[in-house]
Protein backbone atom coordinates (compact mmCIF):
# COMPACT_ATOMS: atom_id res chain seq x y z
CA MET A 1 -42.68 8.99 19.20
CA TYR A 2 -41.16 5.58 18.41
CA LYS A 3 -41.40 6.22 14.65
CA LEU A 4 -39.76 9.62 15.04
CA ASN A 5 -36.82 8.09 16.94
CA LEU A 6 -36.50 5.37 14.31
CA VAL A 7 -36.47 7.94 11.49
CA PHE A 8 -33.87 10.00 13.35
CA LEU A 9 -31.69 6.90 13.85
CA ILE A 10 -31.91 5.92 10.18
CA LEU A 11 -31.11 9.46 9.01
CA SER A 12 -28.15 9.75 11.37
CA LEU A 13 -26.75 6.45 10.07
CA LEU A 14 -27.19 7.55 6.47
CA PHE A 15 -25.41 10.87 6.93
CA THR A 16 -22.45 9.54 8.87
CA SER A 17 -19.62 7.91 7.01
CA CYS A 18 -16.60 5.88 7.84
CA ASN A 19 -13.46 7.94 7.60
CA LYS A 20 -11.05 6.01 5.43
CA GLY A 21 -7.41 7.01 5.65
CA LEU A 22 -5.83 9.21 3.04
CA ILE A 23 -3.30 6.51 2.12
CA SER A 24 -3.52 2.73 2.17
CA ALA A 25 -1.60 -0.29 0.90
CA TYR A 26 -1.75 -4.04 0.52
CA THR A 27 0.49 -6.77 -0.89
CA SER A 28 -0.42 -9.24 -3.62
CA TYR A 29 1.27 -11.94 -5.68
CA VAL A 30 1.31 -12.72 -9.39
CA THR A 31 1.68 -16.48 -9.89
CA ILE A 32 0.75 -19.21 -12.34
CA GLU A 33 -2.79 -19.13 -10.95
CA ASN A 34 -3.24 -15.67 -12.50
CA LEU A 35 -2.98 -17.19 -16.00
CA ALA A 36 -6.26 -18.15 -17.70
CA SER A 37 -4.39 -20.87 -19.60
CA TYR A 38 -3.60 -22.55 -16.26
CA TYR A 39 -7.32 -23.24 -15.74
CA VAL A 40 -8.43 -24.03 -19.29
CA GLY A 41 -5.33 -25.93 -20.40
CA SER A 42 -4.70 -23.87 -23.53
CA PRO A 43 -1.17 -23.65 -24.91
CA ASP A 44 0.78 -20.85 -23.28
CA PRO A 45 4.57 -20.31 -23.16
CA PHE A 46 4.15 -18.77 -19.70
CA LEU A 47 3.10 -22.20 -18.36
CA GLU A 48 6.66 -23.44 -19.04
CA ASP A 49 8.20 -20.53 -17.11
CA PRO A 50 5.37 -19.16 -14.96
CA PRO A 51 5.48 -15.57 -13.71
CA PHE A 52 6.17 -14.82 -10.09
CA GLU A 53 6.07 -11.36 -8.62
CA GLN A 54 5.22 -9.79 -5.27
CA ARG A 55 3.53 -6.41 -5.41
CA LEU A 56 2.94 -3.65 -2.92
CA ASN A 57 -0.11 -1.68 -4.08
CA VAL A 58 -0.26 1.86 -2.68
CA SER A 59 -3.25 4.15 -3.17
CA TRP A 60 -4.18 7.61 -2.00
CA ALA A 61 -7.28 9.81 -2.03
CA ILE A 62 -6.74 13.31 -0.71
CA PRO A 63 -9.93 15.36 -0.33
CA ASP A 64 -10.11 18.89 -1.70
CA ASP A 65 -10.36 20.42 1.78
CA ILE A 66 -6.75 19.41 2.50
CA ILE A 67 -4.30 21.88 0.99
CA PHE A 68 -2.47 20.01 -1.76
CA SER A 69 0.92 21.45 -2.65
CA PRO A 70 2.77 20.58 -5.86
CA HIS A 71 5.49 19.05 -3.69
CA ALA A 72 3.21 16.54 -1.93
CA GLU A 73 4.71 13.06 -1.77
CA ILE A 74 4.49 9.70 -0.10
CA LEU A 75 7.65 8.45 1.56
CA LEU A 76 7.46 4.65 1.32
CA THR A 77 9.80 2.51 3.42
CA ILE A 78 9.78 -1.21 2.65
CA ARG A 79 11.57 -3.74 4.86
CA MET A 80 12.44 -7.09 3.33
CA ARG A 81 12.71 -10.37 5.25
CA SER A 82 16.50 -10.09 4.85
CA ARG A 83 16.24 -6.79 6.89
CA LYS A 84 17.23 -4.77 3.82
CA GLU A 85 15.24 -1.52 3.60
CA ILE A 86 14.18 0.24 0.43
CA THR A 87 12.94 3.84 0.48
CA LYS A 88 10.89 5.32 -2.37
CA LYS A 89 9.52 8.83 -2.80
CA ILE A 90 6.27 8.92 -4.74
CA SER A 91 5.45 12.38 -6.11
CA LEU A 92 1.72 13.07 -6.05
CA LYS A 93 0.51 14.83 -9.18
CA LYS A 94 -3.22 14.27 -8.52
CA HIS A 95 -5.53 14.07 -5.52
CA VAL A 96 -6.35 10.42 -6.28
CA GLY A 97 -3.94 7.82 -7.56
CA SER A 98 -2.01 4.62 -7.08
CA TYR A 99 1.52 3.23 -7.29
CA VAL A 100 2.69 -0.36 -7.57
CA PHE A 101 6.08 -1.48 -6.23
CA ARG A 102 7.03 -4.71 -8.01
CA LEU A 103 9.44 -7.28 -6.62
CA SER A 104 10.59 -9.68 -9.34
CA ARG A 105 11.19 -13.39 -8.83
CA SER A 106 14.98 -13.02 -8.50
CA ASP A 107 14.68 -10.08 -6.09
CA TYR A 108 12.04 -11.95 -4.10
CA PHE A 109 14.25 -15.00 -3.57
CA GLU A 110 17.30 -12.81 -2.87
CA THR A 111 15.58 -10.76 -0.16
CA GLY A 112 12.91 -13.19 1.04
CA GLY A 113 10.13 -10.86 -0.06
CA ILE A 114 8.38 -7.94 1.59
CA LEU A 115 8.12 -8.29 5.37
CA THR A 116 6.57 -4.96 6.35
CA TYR A 117 6.23 -1.35 5.21
CA LYS A 118 5.44 2.17 6.34
CA MET A 119 4.12 5.17 4.41
CA GLN A 120 4.14 8.85 5.26
CA LEU A 121 2.07 11.39 3.36
CA ILE A 122 4.16 14.56 3.30
CA ASN A 123 2.64 17.86 2.24
CA GLY A 124 4.52 21.14 2.51
CA GLY A 125 7.33 19.47 4.50
CA CYS A 126 4.95 18.18 7.21
CA VAL A 127 3.76 14.64 7.78
CA VAL A 128 0.00 14.76 7.21
CA GLU A 129 -0.68 11.06 7.75
CA GLU A 130 1.33 7.96 8.54
CA TRP A 131 0.24 4.42 7.68
CA LYS A 132 2.06 1.38 9.06
CA HIS A 133 1.75 -2.30 8.32
CA GLN A 134 0.74 -4.31 11.40
CA LEU A 135 4.23 -5.79 11.76
CA TRP A 136 6.09 -2.48 11.37
CA GLU A 137 8.47 -1.55 14.19
CA GLU A 138 11.39 0.84 14.04
CA LEU A 139 14.71 -1.00 13.92
CA ILE A 140 17.04 -0.65 16.87
CA LEU A 141 20.54 -0.21 15.44
CA PHE A 142 23.67 -0.72 17.49
CA ASP A 143 26.98 1.01 16.87
CA GLN A 144 29.50 -1.67 15.91
CA THR A 145 32.59 0.59 16.18
CA ILE A 146 33.95 -0.58 19.54
């Protein structure tokens, strides 16, 4: 009886899976440490003016059982540390893919970099899934016309 319960437990763990979201994102940086020449000391003009870039890496994997219209898109809202917001629409041509939003050195220092972001997977005019960074909160705007 014990062996049968153990086999049942193992089989149930094998056939269950973690449900990962349809969309996900993370930020990363490109700095001097990304250059191989930084570590080995080989001559490289990039060492004189090293690259600096902040990236927001967005990926999606939409299973076949979800109806995928040709107008499916991800609405990406990025809030900078300066409170400036950037909105991008990413058209989805395939069920699986990725998109990289790049923030150059000058834009990074002008805006303070990416603070938080929110993504909405929109299919057929309806929000299928929403993904928010841990710090995302809707802004409360006040009318200044008094």
